[in-house]
């Protein structure tokens, strides 16, 4: 089982980004305190990445399936074996299901009977 820090490094390298480029992308998204040294400390396991920063990092690295990218249990995700086109199609189908209204979760208030 890989550590989260190793996943972050691998995903960044897979996108051909340097630590400086990742830090710059954080800065452009309103996180001026994220420097290349901070990115290095996440990757070297010196500092844990805060959950908010992890979500921003997913945006920067264009990760749409967080579970597939970071789930260390190695249980396959719905999108694990799909290429970019397949992932786009799944999202498109999910949008159609949401728009139809037929598969909406019911709220707690609707389930209660008084």
PDB file of N, CA and C in Angstrom:
ATOM      1  N   UNK A   1       0.844  -1.175   0.000  1.00  0.00           N
ATOM      2  CA  UNK A   1       0.000   0.000   0.000  1.00  0.00           C
ATOM      3  C   UNK A   1       0.894   1.244   0.000  1.00  0.00           C
ATOM      4  N   UNK A   2       0.689   2.127  -0.965  1.00  0.00           N
ATOM      5  CA  UNK A   2       1.499   3.342  -1.079  1.00  0.00           C
ATOM      6  C   UNK A   2       0.995   4.417  -0.127  1.00  0.00           C
ATOM      7  N   UNK A   3       1.904   5.267   0.249  1.00  0.00           N
ATOM      8  CA  UNK A   3       1.547   6.416   1.074  1.00  0.00           C
ATOM      9  C   UNK A   3       0.983   7.513   0.175  1.00  0.00           C
ATOM     10  N   UNK A   4       0.129   8.340   0.759  1.00  0.00           N
ATOM     11  CA  UNK A   4      -0.491   9.441   0.019  1.00  0.00           C
ATOM     12  C   UNK A   4       0.577  10.330  -0.614  1.00  0.00           C
ATOM     13  N   UNK A   5       1.668  10.561   0.099  1.00  0.00           N
ATOM     14  CA  UNK A   5       2.734  11.422  -0.418  1.00  0.00           C
ATOM     15  C   UNK A   5       3.296  10.878  -1.732  1.00  0.00           C
ATOM     16  N   UNK A   6       3.424   9.573  -1.835  1.00  0.00           N
ATOM     17  CA  UNK A   6       3.938   8.960  -3.069  1.00  0.00           C
ATOM     18  C   UNK A   6       2.940   9.103  -4.212  1.00  0.00           C
ATOM     19  N   UNK A   7       1.661   8.978  -3.896  1.00  0.00           N
ATOM     20  CA  UNK A   7       0.630   9.182  -4.917  1.00  0.00           C
ATOM     21  C   UNK A   7       0.686  10.603  -5.453  1.00  0.00           C
ATOM     22  N   UNK A   8       0.829  11.568  -4.560  1.00  0.00           N
ATOM     23  CA  UNK A   8       0.885  12.969  -4.987  1.00  0.00           C
ATOM     24  C   UNK A   8       2.052  13.172  -5.945  1.00  0.00           C
ATOM     25  N   UNK A   9       3.211  12.634  -5.594  1.00  0.00           N
ATOM     26  CA  UNK A   9       4.397  12.759  -6.441  1.00  0.00           C
ATOM     27  C   UNK A   9       4.151  12.123  -7.804  1.00  0.00           C
ATOM     28  N   UNK A  10       3.637  10.900  -7.811  1.00  0.00           N
ATOM     29  CA  UNK A  10       3.395  10.190  -9.070  1.00  0.00           C
ATOM     30  C   UNK A  10       2.392  10.921  -9.956  1.00  0.00           C
ATOM     31  N   UNK A  11       1.317  11.413  -9.357  1.00  0.00           N
ATOM     32  CA  UNK A  11       0.294  12.111 -10.142  1.00  0.00           C
ATOM     33  C   UNK A  11       0.830  13.415 -10.723  1.00  0.00           C
ATOM     34  N   UNK A  12       1.634  14.124  -9.936  1.00  0.00           N
ATOM     35  CA  UNK A  12       2.240  15.376 -10.435  1.00  0.00           C
ATOM     36  C   UNK A  12       3.178  15.069 -11.594  1.00  0.00           C
ATOM     37  N   UNK A  13       4.010  14.054 -11.424  1.00  0.00           N
ATOM     38  CA  UNK A  13       4.961  13.699 -12.475  1.00  0.00           C
ATOM     39  C   UNK A  13       4.251  13.189 -13.725  1.00  0.00           C
ATOM     40  N   UNK A  14       3.148  12.484 -13.530  1.00  0.00           N
ATOM     41  CA  UNK A  14       2.364  11.986 -14.667  1.00  0.00           C
ATOM     42  C   UNK A  14       1.849  13.144 -15.519  1.00  0.00           C
ATOM     43  N   UNK A  15       1.565  14.286 -14.884  1.00  0.00           N
ATOM     44  CA  UNK A  15       1.110  15.482 -15.602  1.00  0.00           C
ATOM     45  C   UNK A  15       2.277  16.349 -16.065  1.00  0.00           C
ATOM     46  N   UNK A  16       3.502  15.851 -15.882  1.00  0.00           N
ATOM     47  CA  UNK A  16       4.713  16.589 -16.285  1.00  0.00           C
ATOM     48  C   UNK A  16       4.771  17.978 -15.669  1.00  0.00           C
ATOM     49  N   UNK A  17       4.439  18.053 -14.384  1.00  0.00           N
ATOM     50  CA  UNK A  17       4.477  19.333 -13.678  1.00  0.00           C
ATOM     51  C   UNK A  17       5.581  19.305 -12.627  1.00  0.00           C
ATOM     52  N   UNK A  18       6.238  20.421 -12.466  1.00  0.00           N
ATOM     53  CA  UNK A  18       7.231  20.554 -11.399  1.00  0.00           C
ATOM     54  C   UNK A  18       6.516  20.991 -10.121  1.00  0.00           C
ATOM     55  N   UNK A  19       7.216  20.925  -9.019  1.00  0.00           N
ATOM     56  CA  UNK A  19       6.647  21.400  -7.753  1.00  0.00           C
ATOM     57  C   UNK A  19       6.384  22.903  -7.827  1.00  0.00           C
ATOM     58  N   UNK A  20       7.225  23.614  -8.522  1.00  0.00           N
ATOM     59  CA  UNK A  20       7.040  25.060  -8.692  1.00  0.00           C
ATOM     60  C   UNK A  20       5.763  25.336  -9.479  1.00  0.00           C
ATOM     61  N   UNK A  21       5.520  24.560 -10.530  1.00  0.00           N
ATOM     62  CA  UNK A  21       4.310  24.748 -11.338  1.00  0.00           C
ATOM     63  C   UNK A  21       3.050  24.441 -10.526  1.00  0.00           C
ATOM     64  N   UNK A  22       3.114  23.433  -9.674  1.00  0.00           N
ATOM     65  CA  UNK A  22       1.974  23.119  -8.814  1.00  0.00           C
ATOM     66  C   UNK A  22       1.724  24.278  -7.853  1.00  0.00           C
ATOM     67  N   UNK A  23       2.793  24.792  -7.240  1.00  0.00           N
ATOM     68  CA  UNK A  23       2.657  25.928  -6.319  1.00  0.00           C
ATOM     69  C   UNK A  23       2.084  27.148  -7.043  1.00  0.00           C
ATOM     70  N   UNK A  24       2.547  27.408  -8.259  1.00  0.00           N
ATOM     71  CA  UNK A  24       2.015  28.527  -9.040  1.00  0.00           C
ATOM     72  C   UNK A  24       0.524  28.346  -9.320  1.00  0.00           C
ATOM     73  N   UNK A  25       0.119  27.114  -9.606  1.00  0.00           N
ATOM     74  CA  UNK A  25      -1.299  26.839  -9.862  1.00  0.00           C
ATOM     75  C   UNK A  25      -2.130  27.081  -8.606  1.00  0.00           C
ATOM     76  N   UNK A  26      -1.594  26.737  -7.444  1.00  0.00           N
ATOM     77  CA  UNK A  26      -2.283  27.042  -6.181  1.00  0.00           C
ATOM     78  C   UNK A  26      -2.423  28.550  -6.011  1.00  0.00           C
ATOM     79  N   UNK A  27      -1.353  29.275  -6.291  1.00  0.00           N
ATOM     80  CA  UNK A  27      -1.368  30.735  -6.155  1.00  0.00           C
ATOM     81  C   UNK A  27      -2.432  31.358  -7.052  1.00  0.00           C
ATOM     82  N   UNK A  28      -2.550  30.860  -8.276  1.00  0.00           N
ATOM     83  CA  UNK A  28      -3.553  31.376  -9.215  1.00  0.00           C
ATOM     84  C   UNK A  28      -4.974  31.088  -8.736  1.00  0.00           C
ATOM     85  N   UNK A  29      -5.131  30.088  -7.875  1.00  0.00           N
ATOM     86  CA  UNK A  29      -6.446  29.729  -7.358  1.00  0.00           C
ATOM     87  C   UNK A  29      -6.710  30.352  -5.977  1.00  0.00           C
ATOM     88  N   UNK A  30      -5.841  31.280  -5.571  1.00  0.00           N
ATOM     89  CA  UNK A  30      -6.077  32.010  -4.332  1.00  0.00           C
ATOM     90  C   UNK A  30      -5.428  31.416  -3.100  1.00  0.00           C
ATOM     91  N   UNK A  31      -4.387  30.621  -3.275  1.00  0.00           N
ATOM     92  CA  UNK A  31      -3.662  30.029  -2.157  1.00  0.00           C
ATOM     93  C   UNK A  31      -2.210  30.482  -2.204  1.00  0.00           C
ATOM     94  N   UNK A  32      -1.955  31.758  -1.857  1.00  0.00           N
ATOM     95  CA  UNK A  32      -0.614  32.316  -2.005  1.00  0.00           C
ATOM     96  C   UNK A  32       0.427  31.720  -1.050  1.00  0.00           C
ATOM     97  N   UNK A  33      -0.016  31.075   0.014  1.00  0.00           N
ATOM     98  CA  UNK A  33       0.943  30.514   0.973  1.00  0.00           C
ATOM     99  C   UNK A  33       1.478  29.150   0.554  1.00  0.00           C
ATOM    100  N   UNK A  34       0.915  28.566  -0.508  1.00  0.00           N
ATOM    101  CA  UNK A  34       1.416  27.283  -0.995  1.00  0.00           C
ATOM    102  C   UNK A  34       2.606  27.558  -1.913  1.00  0.00           C
ATOM    103  N   UNK A  35       3.752  27.135  -1.463  1.00  0.00           N
ATOM    104  CA  UNK A  35       4.998  27.328  -2.208  1.00  0.00           C
ATOM    105  C   UNK A  35       5.512  25.974  -2.685  1.00  0.00           C
ATOM    106  N   UNK A  36       6.548  25.998  -3.512  1.00  0.00           N
ATOM    107  CA  UNK A  36       7.127  24.730  -3.945  1.00  0.00           C
ATOM    108  C   UNK A  36       7.713  23.965  -2.753  1.00  0.00           C
ATOM    109  N   UNK A  37       8.139  24.680  -1.707  1.00  0.00           N
ATOM    110  CA  UNK A  37       8.638  24.007  -0.503  1.00  0.00           C
ATOM    111  C   UNK A  37       7.511  23.267   0.212  1.00  0.00           C
ATOM    112  N   UNK A  38       6.313  23.845   0.200  1.00  0.00           N
ATOM    113  CA  UNK A  38       5.147  23.181   0.804  1.00  0.00           C
ATOM    114  C   UNK A  38       4.811  21.916   0.011  1.00  0.00           C
ATOM    115  N   UNK A  39       4.812  22.033  -1.312  1.00  0.00           N
ATOM    116  CA  UNK A  39       4.534  20.864  -2.156  1.00  0.00           C
ATOM    117  C   UNK A  39       5.578  19.785  -1.877  1.00  0.00           C
ATOM    118  N   UNK A  40       6.841  20.189  -1.759  1.00  0.00           N
ATOM    119  CA  UNK A  40       7.904  19.233  -1.436  1.00  0.00           C
ATOM    120  C   UNK A  40       7.628  18.560  -0.089  1.00  0.00           C
ATOM    121  N   UNK A  41       7.189  19.334   0.903  1.00  0.00           N
ATOM    122  CA  UNK A  41       6.939  18.734   2.224  1.00  0.00           C
ATOM    123  C   UNK A  41       5.770  17.757   2.199  1.00  0.00           C
ATOM    124  N   UNK A  42       4.770  17.998   1.321  1.00  0.00           N
ATOM    125  CA  UNK A  42       3.685  17.013   1.173  1.00  0.00           C
ATOM    126  C   UNK A  42       4.238  15.734   0.559  1.00  0.00           C
ATOM    127  N   UNK A  43       5.074  15.892  -0.464  1.00  0.00           N
ATOM    128  CA  UNK A  43       5.589  14.739  -1.195  1.00  0.00           C
ATOM    129  C   UNK A  43       6.636  13.958  -0.398  1.00  0.00           C
ATOM    130  N   UNK A  44       7.311  14.621   0.504  1.00  0.00           N
ATOM    131  CA  UNK A  44       8.341  13.935   1.296  1.00  0.00           C
ATOM    132  C   UNK A  44       7.796  13.456   2.640  1.00  0.00           C
ATOM    133  N   UNK A  45       6.499  13.622   2.836  1.00  0.00           N
ATOM    134  CA  UNK A  45       5.823  13.160   4.054  1.00  0.00           C
ATOM    135  C   UNK A  45       6.231  13.931   5.305  1.00  0.00           C
ATOM    136  N   UNK A  46       6.753  15.125   5.114  1.00  0.00           N
ATOM    137  CA  UNK A  46       7.105  15.956   6.272  1.00  0.00           C
ATOM    138  C   UNK A  46       5.873  16.634   6.855  1.00  0.00           C
ATOM    139  N   UNK A  47       4.918  16.959   5.964  1.00  0.00           N
ATOM    140  CA  UNK A  47       3.682  17.639   6.363  1.00  0.00           C
ATOM    141  C   UNK A  47       2.534  16.962   5.643  1.00  0.00           C
ATOM    142  N   UNK A  48       1.432  16.746   6.364  1.00  0.00           N
ATOM    143  CA  UNK A  48       0.238  16.190   5.720  1.00  0.00           C
ATOM    144  C   UNK A  48      -0.475  17.282   4.943  1.00  0.00           C
ATOM    145  N   UNK A  49      -0.970  16.913   3.784  1.00  0.00           N
ATOM    146  CA  UNK A  49      -1.699  17.880   2.968  1.00  0.00           C
ATOM    147  C   UNK A  49      -3.097  18.071   3.557  1.00  0.00           C
ATOM    148  N   UNK A  50      -3.488  19.311   3.816  1.00  0.00           N
ATOM    149  CA  UNK A  50      -4.847  19.569   4.317  1.00  0.00           C
ATOM    150  C   UNK A  50      -5.890  19.140   3.276  1.00  0.00           C
ATOM    151  N   UNK A  51      -7.035  18.719   3.754  1.00  0.00           N
ATOM    152  CA  UNK A  51      -8.071  18.204   2.842  1.00  0.00           C
ATOM    153  C   UNK A  51      -8.477  19.241   1.792  1.00  0.00           C
ATOM    154  N   UNK A  52      -8.580  20.496   2.178  1.00  0.00           N
ATOM    155  CA  UNK A  52      -8.945  21.533   1.207  1.00  0.00           C
ATOM    156  C   UNK A  52      -7.891  21.625   0.107  1.00  0.00           C
ATOM    157  N   UNK A  53      -6.628  21.537   0.490  1.00  0.00           N
ATOM    158  CA  UNK A  53      -5.554  21.596  -0.497  1.00  0.00           C
ATOM    159  C   UNK A  53      -5.556  20.349  -1.384  1.00  0.00           C
ATOM    160  N   UNK A  54      -5.933  19.219  -0.815  1.00  0.00           N
ATOM    161  CA  UNK A  54      -6.004  17.996  -1.615  1.00  0.00           C
ATOM    162  C   UNK A  54      -7.046  18.145  -2.722  1.00  0.00           C
ATOM    163  N   UNK A  55      -8.172  18.752  -2.392  1.00  0.00           N
ATOM    164  CA  UNK A  55      -9.210  18.970  -3.409  1.00  0.00           C
ATOM    165  C   UNK A  55      -8.730  19.930  -4.493  1.00  0.00           C
ATOM    166  N   UNK A  56      -8.024  20.981  -4.087  1.00  0.00           N
ATOM    167  CA  UNK A  56      -7.480  21.929  -5.067  1.00  0.00           C
ATOM    168  C   UNK A  56      -6.420  21.231  -5.925  1.00  0.00           C
ATOM    169  N   UNK A  57      -5.600  20.395  -5.288  1.00  0.00           N
ATOM    170  CA  UNK A  57      -4.582  19.653  -6.026  1.00  0.00           C
ATOM    171  C   UNK A  57      -5.229  18.747  -7.082  1.00  0.00           C
ATOM    172  N   UNK A  58      -6.345  18.134  -6.722  1.00  0.00           N
ATOM    173  CA  UNK A  58      -7.068  17.309  -7.692  1.00  0.00           C
ATOM    174  C   UNK A  58      -7.511  18.136  -8.891  1.00  0.00           C
ATOM    175  N   UNK A  59      -7.954  19.345  -8.640  1.00  0.00           N
ATOM    176  CA  UNK A  59      -8.337  20.235  -9.735  1.00  0.00           C
ATOM    177  C   UNK A  59      -7.117  20.570 -10.595  1.00  0.00           C
ATOM    178  N   UNK A  60      -6.022  20.893  -9.956  1.00  0.00           N
ATOM    179  CA  UNK A  60      -4.795  21.259 -10.671  1.00  0.00           C
ATOM    180  C   UNK A  60      -4.300  20.102 -11.530  1.00  0.00           C
ATOM    181  N   UNK A  61      -4.344  18.894 -10.977  1.00  0.00           N
ATOM    182  CA  UNK A  61      -3.837  17.725 -11.688  1.00  0.00           C
ATOM    183  C   UNK A  61      -4.904  17.054 -12.558  1.00  0.00           C
ATOM    184  N   UNK A  62      -6.066  17.698 -12.658  1.00  0.00           N
ATOM    185  CA  UNK A  62      -7.176  17.217 -13.485  1.00  0.00           C
ATOM    186  C   UNK A  62      -7.609  15.812 -13.091  1.00  0.00           C
ATOM    187  N   UNK A  63      -7.778  15.611 -11.789  1.00  0.00           N
ATOM    188  CA  UNK A  63      -8.227  14.331 -11.256  1.00  0.00           C
ATOM    189  C   UNK A  63      -9.720  14.439 -10.981  1.00  0.00           C
ATOM    190  N   UNK A  64     -10.504  13.705 -11.732  1.00  0.00           N
ATOM    191  CA  UNK A  64     -11.947  13.769 -11.539  1.00  0.00           C
ATOM    192  C   UNK A  64     -12.456  12.655 -10.626  1.00  0.00           C
ATOM    193  N   UNK A  65     -11.715  11.580 -10.509  1.00  0.00           N
ATOM    194  CA  UNK A  65     -12.110  10.461  -9.654  1.00  0.00           C
ATOM    195  C   UNK A  65     -11.121  10.379  -8.494  1.00  0.00           C
ATOM    196  N   UNK A  66     -11.432  11.081  -7.420  1.00  0.00           N
ATOM    197  CA  UNK A  66     -10.524  11.153  -6.281  1.00  0.00           C
ATOM    198  C   UNK A  66     -10.285   9.766  -5.700  1.00  0.00           C
ATOM    199  N   UNK A  67     -11.334   8.969  -5.631  1.00  0.00           N
ATOM    200  CA  UNK A  67     -11.183   7.634  -5.045  1.00  0.00           C
ATOM    201  C   UNK A  67     -10.190   6.799  -5.848  1.00  0.00           C
ATOM    202  N   UNK A  68     -10.303   6.820  -7.156  1.00  0.00           N
ATOM    203  CA  UNK A  68      -9.387   6.040  -7.985  1.00  0.00           C
ATOM    204  C   UNK A  68      -7.953   6.527  -7.823  1.00  0.00           C
ATOM    205  N   UNK A  69      -7.781   7.829  -7.652  1.00  0.00           N
ATOM    206  CA  UNK A  69      -6.435   8.389  -7.546  1.00  0.00           C
ATOM    207  C   UNK A  69      -5.796   8.163  -6.185  1.00  0.00           C
ATOM    208  N   UNK A  70      -6.592   8.217  -5.112  1.00  0.00           N
ATOM    209  CA  UNK A  70      -5.998   8.219  -3.785  1.00  0.00           C
ATOM    210  C   UNK A  70      -6.434   7.095  -2.855  1.00  0.00           C
ATOM    211  N   UNK A  71      -7.409   6.301  -3.246  1.00  0.00           N
ATOM    212  CA  UNK A  71      -7.874   5.229  -2.367  1.00  0.00           C
ATOM    213  C   UNK A  71      -6.785   4.175  -2.253  1.00  0.00           C
ATOM    214  N   UNK A  72      -6.255   4.024  -1.051  1.00  0.00           N
ATOM    215  CA  UNK A  72      -5.148   3.112  -0.856  1.00  0.00           C
ATOM    216  C   UNK A  72      -5.589   1.691  -0.537  1.00  0.00           C
ATOM    217  N   UNK A  73      -6.894   1.423  -0.534  1.00  0.00           N
ATOM    218  CA  UNK A  73      -7.360   0.071  -0.270  1.00  0.00           C
ATOM    219  C   UNK A  73      -7.312  -0.778  -1.536  1.00  0.00           C
ATOM    220  N   UNK A  74      -7.097  -0.129  -2.675  1.00  0.00           N
ATOM    221  CA  UNK A  74      -7.011  -0.777  -3.972  1.00  0.00           C
ATOM    222  C   UNK A  74      -8.303  -1.480  -4.375  1.00  0.00           C
ATOM    223  N   UNK A  75      -9.433  -1.012  -3.825  1.00  0.00           N
ATOM    224  CA  UNK A  75     -10.738  -1.473  -4.284  1.00  0.00           C
ATOM    225  C   UNK A  75     -11.043  -0.682  -5.551  1.00  0.00           C
ATOM    226  N   UNK A  76     -11.373  -1.346  -6.655  1.00  0.00           N
ATOM    227  CA  UNK A  76     -11.569  -0.602  -7.902  1.00  0.00           C
ATOM    228  C   UNK A  76     -12.714   0.403  -7.814  1.00  0.00           C
ATOM    229  N   UNK A  77     -12.504   1.520  -8.424  1.00  0.00           N
ATOM    230  CA  UNK A  77     -13.512   2.567  -8.514  1.00  0.00           C
ATOM    231  C   UNK A  77     -14.310   2.363  -9.792  1.00  0.00           C
ATOM    232  N   UNK A  78     -15.451   2.995  -9.853  1.00  0.00           N
ATOM    233  CA  UNK A  78     -16.308   2.920 -11.026  1.00  0.00           C
ATOM    234  C   UNK A  78     -15.569   3.371 -12.292  1.00  0.00           C
ATOM    235  N   UNK A  79     -14.682   4.337 -12.155  1.00  0.00           N
ATOM    236  CA  UNK A  79     -14.019   4.918 -13.320  1.00  0.00           C
ATOM    237  C   UNK A  79     -12.585   4.431 -13.522  1.00  0.00           C
ATOM    238  N   UNK A  80     -12.105   3.545 -12.680  1.00  0.00           N
ATOM    239  CA  UNK A  80     -10.703   3.144 -12.667  1.00  0.00           C
ATOM    240  C   UNK A  80     -10.157   2.733 -14.026  1.00  0.00           C
ATOM    241  N   UNK A  81     -10.873   1.922 -14.742  1.00  0.00           N
ATOM    242  CA  UNK A  81     -10.322   1.368 -15.976  1.00  0.00           C
ATOM    243  C   UNK A  81     -10.788   2.100 -17.235  1.00  0.00           C
ATOM    244  N   UNK A  82     -11.404   3.267 -17.051  1.00  0.00           N
ATOM    245  CA  UNK A  82     -11.891   4.023 -18.207  1.00  0.00           C
ATOM    246  C   UNK A  82     -10.875   5.070 -18.644  1.00  0.00           C
ATOM    247  N   UNK A  83     -10.810   5.303 -19.949  1.00  0.00           N
ATOM    248  CA  UNK A  83      -9.968   6.387 -20.452  1.00  0.00           C
ATOM    249  C   UNK A  83     -10.734   7.706 -20.316  1.00  0.00           C
ATOM    250  N   UNK A  84     -10.135   8.788 -20.754  1.00  0.00           N
ATOM    251  CA  UNK A  84     -10.760  10.112 -20.596  1.00  0.00           C
ATOM    252  C   UNK A  84     -12.119  10.191 -21.273  1.00  0.00           C
ATOM    253  N   UNK A  85     -12.237   9.582 -22.458  1.00  0.00           N
ATOM    254  CA  UNK A  85     -13.513   9.608 -23.177  1.00  0.00           C
ATOM    255  C   UNK A  85     -14.579   8.827 -22.411  1.00  0.00           C
ATOM    256  N   UNK A  86     -14.210   7.686 -21.860  1.00  0.00           N
ATOM    257  CA  UNK A  86     -15.154   6.892 -21.078  1.00  0.00           C
ATOM    258  C   UNK A  86     -15.615   7.637 -19.839  1.00  0.00           C
ATOM    259  N   UNK A  87     -14.698   8.318 -19.165  1.00  0.00           N
ATOM    260  CA  UNK A  87     -15.037   9.110 -17.976  1.00  0.00           C
ATOM    261  C   UNK A  87     -15.990  10.239 -18.359  1.00  0.00           C
ATOM    262  N   UNK A  88     -15.722  10.888 -19.501  1.00  0.00           N
ATOM    263  CA  UNK A  88     -16.602  11.964 -19.977  1.00  0.00           C
ATOM    264  C   UNK A  88     -18.009  11.425 -20.233  1.00  0.00           C
ATOM    265  N   UNK A  89     -18.096  10.239 -20.799  1.00  0.00           N
ATOM    266  CA  UNK A  89     -19.400   9.656 -21.108  1.00  0.00           C
ATOM    267  C   UNK A  89     -20.166   9.286 -19.832  1.00  0.00           C
ATOM    268  N   UNK A  90     -19.454   8.778 -18.828  1.00  0.00           N
ATOM    269  CA  UNK A  90     -20.102   8.455 -17.551  1.00  0.00           C
ATOM    270  C   UNK A  90     -20.661   9.728 -16.921  1.00  0.00           C
ATOM    271  N   UNK A  91     -19.884  10.799 -16.947  1.00  0.00           N
ATOM    272  CA  UNK A  91     -20.345  12.073 -16.395  1.00  0.00           C
ATOM    273  C   UNK A  91     -21.560  12.591 -17.167  1.00  0.00           C
ATOM    274  N   UNK A  92     -21.520  12.450 -18.475  1.00  0.00           N
ATOM    275  CA  UNK A  92     -22.641  12.897 -19.303  1.00  0.00           C
ATOM    276  C   UNK A  92     -23.899  12.099 -18.960  1.00  0.00           C
ATOM    277  N   UNK A  93     -23.766  10.798 -18.788  1.00  0.00           N
ATOM    278  CA  UNK A  93     -24.908   9.963 -18.431  1.00  0.00           C
ATOM    279  C   UNK A  93     -25.434  10.337 -17.045  1.00  0.00           C
ATOM    280  N   UNK A  94     -24.526  10.586 -16.105  1.00  0.00           N
ATOM    281  CA  UNK A  94     -24.936  10.992 -14.757  1.00  0.00           C
ATOM    282  C   UNK A  94     -25.706  12.308 -14.810  1.00  0.00           C
ATOM    283  N   UNK A  95     -25.271  13.228 -15.655  1.00  0.00           N
ATOM    284  CA  UNK A  95     -25.997  14.497 -15.820  1.00  0.00           C
ATOM    285  C   UNK A  95     -27.414  14.250 -16.337  1.00  0.00           C
ATOM    286  N   UNK A  96     -27.548  13.338 -17.289  1.00  0.00           N
ATOM    287  CA  UNK A  96     -28.878  13.010 -17.820  1.00  0.00           C
ATOM    288  C   UNK A  96     -29.774  12.415 -16.730  1.00  0.00           C
ATOM    289  N   UNK A  97     -29.219  11.552 -15.889  1.00  0.00           N
ATOM    290  CA  UNK A  97     -29.995  10.972 -14.792  1.00  0.00           C
ATOM    291  C   UNK A  97     -30.443  12.045 -13.809  1.00  0.00           C
ATOM    292  N   UNK A  98     -29.543  12.992 -13.498  1.00  0.00           N
ATOM    293  CA  UNK A  98     -29.902  14.079 -12.576  1.00  0.00           C
ATOM    294  C   UNK A  98     -30.992  14.951 -13.178  1.00  0.00           C
ATOM    295  N   UNK A  99     -30.839  15.304 -14.441  1.00  0.00           N
ATOM    296  CA  UNK A  99     -31.800  16.172 -15.112  1.00  0.00           C
ATOM    297  C   UNK A  99     -33.185  15.519 -15.156  1.00  0.00           C
ATOM    298  N   UNK A 100     -33.236  14.220 -15.334  1.00  0.00           N
ATOM    299  CA  UNK A 100     -34.533  13.530 -15.430  1.00  0.00           C
ATOM    300  C   UNK A 100     -35.332  13.650 -14.139  1.00  0.00           C
ATOM    301  N   UNK A 101     -34.651  13.773 -13.011  1.00  0.00           N
ATOM    302  CA  UNK A 101     -35.326  13.862 -11.726  1.00  0.00           C
ATOM    303  C   UNK A 101     -35.839  12.532 -11.204  1.00  0.00           C
ATOM    304  N   UNK A 102     -35.713  11.491 -11.973  1.00  0.00           N
ATOM    305  CA  UNK A 102     -36.231  10.184 -11.574  1.00  0.00           C
ATOM    306  C   UNK A 102     -35.383   9.488 -10.504  1.00  0.00           C
ATOM    307  N   UNK A 103     -34.145   9.910 -10.376  1.00  0.00           N
ATOM    308  CA  UNK A 103     -33.229   9.205  -9.480  1.00  0.00           C
ATOM    309  C   UNK A 103     -32.709  10.083  -8.353  1.00  0.00           C
ATOM    310  N   UNK A 104     -33.461  11.129  -8.026  1.00  0.00           N
ATOM    311  CA  UNK A 104     -33.058  12.029  -6.940  1.00  0.00           C
ATOM    312  C   UNK A 104     -33.195  11.342  -5.601  1.00  0.00           C
ATOM    313  N   UNK A 105     -32.248  11.636  -4.719  1.00  0.00           N
ATOM    314  CA  UNK A 105     -32.360  11.157  -3.348  1.00  0.00           C
ATOM    315  C   UNK A 105     -33.488  11.918  -2.686  1.00  0.00           C
ATOM    316  N   UNK A 106     -34.252  11.238  -1.864  1.00  0.00           N
ATOM    317  CA  UNK A 106     -35.282  11.963  -1.145  1.00  0.00           C
ATOM    318  C   UNK A 106     -34.671  12.545   0.119  1.00  0.00           C
ATOM    319  N   UNK A 107     -35.151  13.712   0.472  1.00  0.00           N
ATOM    320  CA  UNK A 107     -34.617  14.361   1.660  1.00  0.00           C
ATOM    321  C   UNK A 107     -35.218  13.715   2.904  1.00  0.00           C
ATOM    322  N   UNK A 108     -34.575  13.917   4.024  1.00  0.00           N
ATOM    323  CA  UNK A 108     -35.042  13.355   5.295  1.00  0.00           C
ATOM    324  C   UNK A 108     -36.442  13.852   5.615  1.00  0.00           C
ATOM    325  N   UNK A 109     -36.709  15.118   5.294  1.00  0.00           N
ATOM    326  CA  UNK A 109     -38.021  15.682   5.582  1.00  0.00           C
ATOM    327  C   UNK A 109     -39.116  14.969   4.800  1.00  0.00           C
ATOM    328  N   UNK A 110     -38.832  14.536   3.590  1.00  0.00           N
ATOM    329  CA  UNK A 110     -39.825  13.832   2.788  1.00  0.00           C
ATOM    330  C   UNK A 110     -40.074  12.425   3.322  1.00  0.00           C
ATOM    331  N   UNK A 111     -39.088  11.825   3.979  1.00  0.00           N
ATOM    332  CA  UNK A 111     -39.236  10.466   4.479  1.00  0.00           C
ATOM    333  C   UNK A 111     -39.999  10.395   5.780  1.00  0.00           C
ATOM    334  N   UNK A 112     -39.950  11.468   6.561  1.00  0.00           N
ATOM    335  CA  UNK A 112     -40.614  11.444   7.866  1.00  0.00           C
ATOM    336  C   UNK A 112     -42.127  11.502   7.716  1.00  0.00           C
ATOM    337  N   UNK A 113     -42.786  10.771   8.555  1.00  0.00           N
ATOM    338  CA  UNK A 113     -44.246  10.854   8.606  1.00  0.00           C
ATOM    339  C   UNK A 113     -44.615  11.204  10.047  1.00  0.00           C
ATOM    340  N   UNK A 114     -45.437  12.213  10.195  1.00  0.00           N
ATOM    341  CA  UNK A 114     -45.784  12.671  11.538  1.00  0.00           C
ATOM    342  C   UNK A 114     -47.210  12.312  11.838  1.00  0.00           C
TER     343      UNK A 114
END
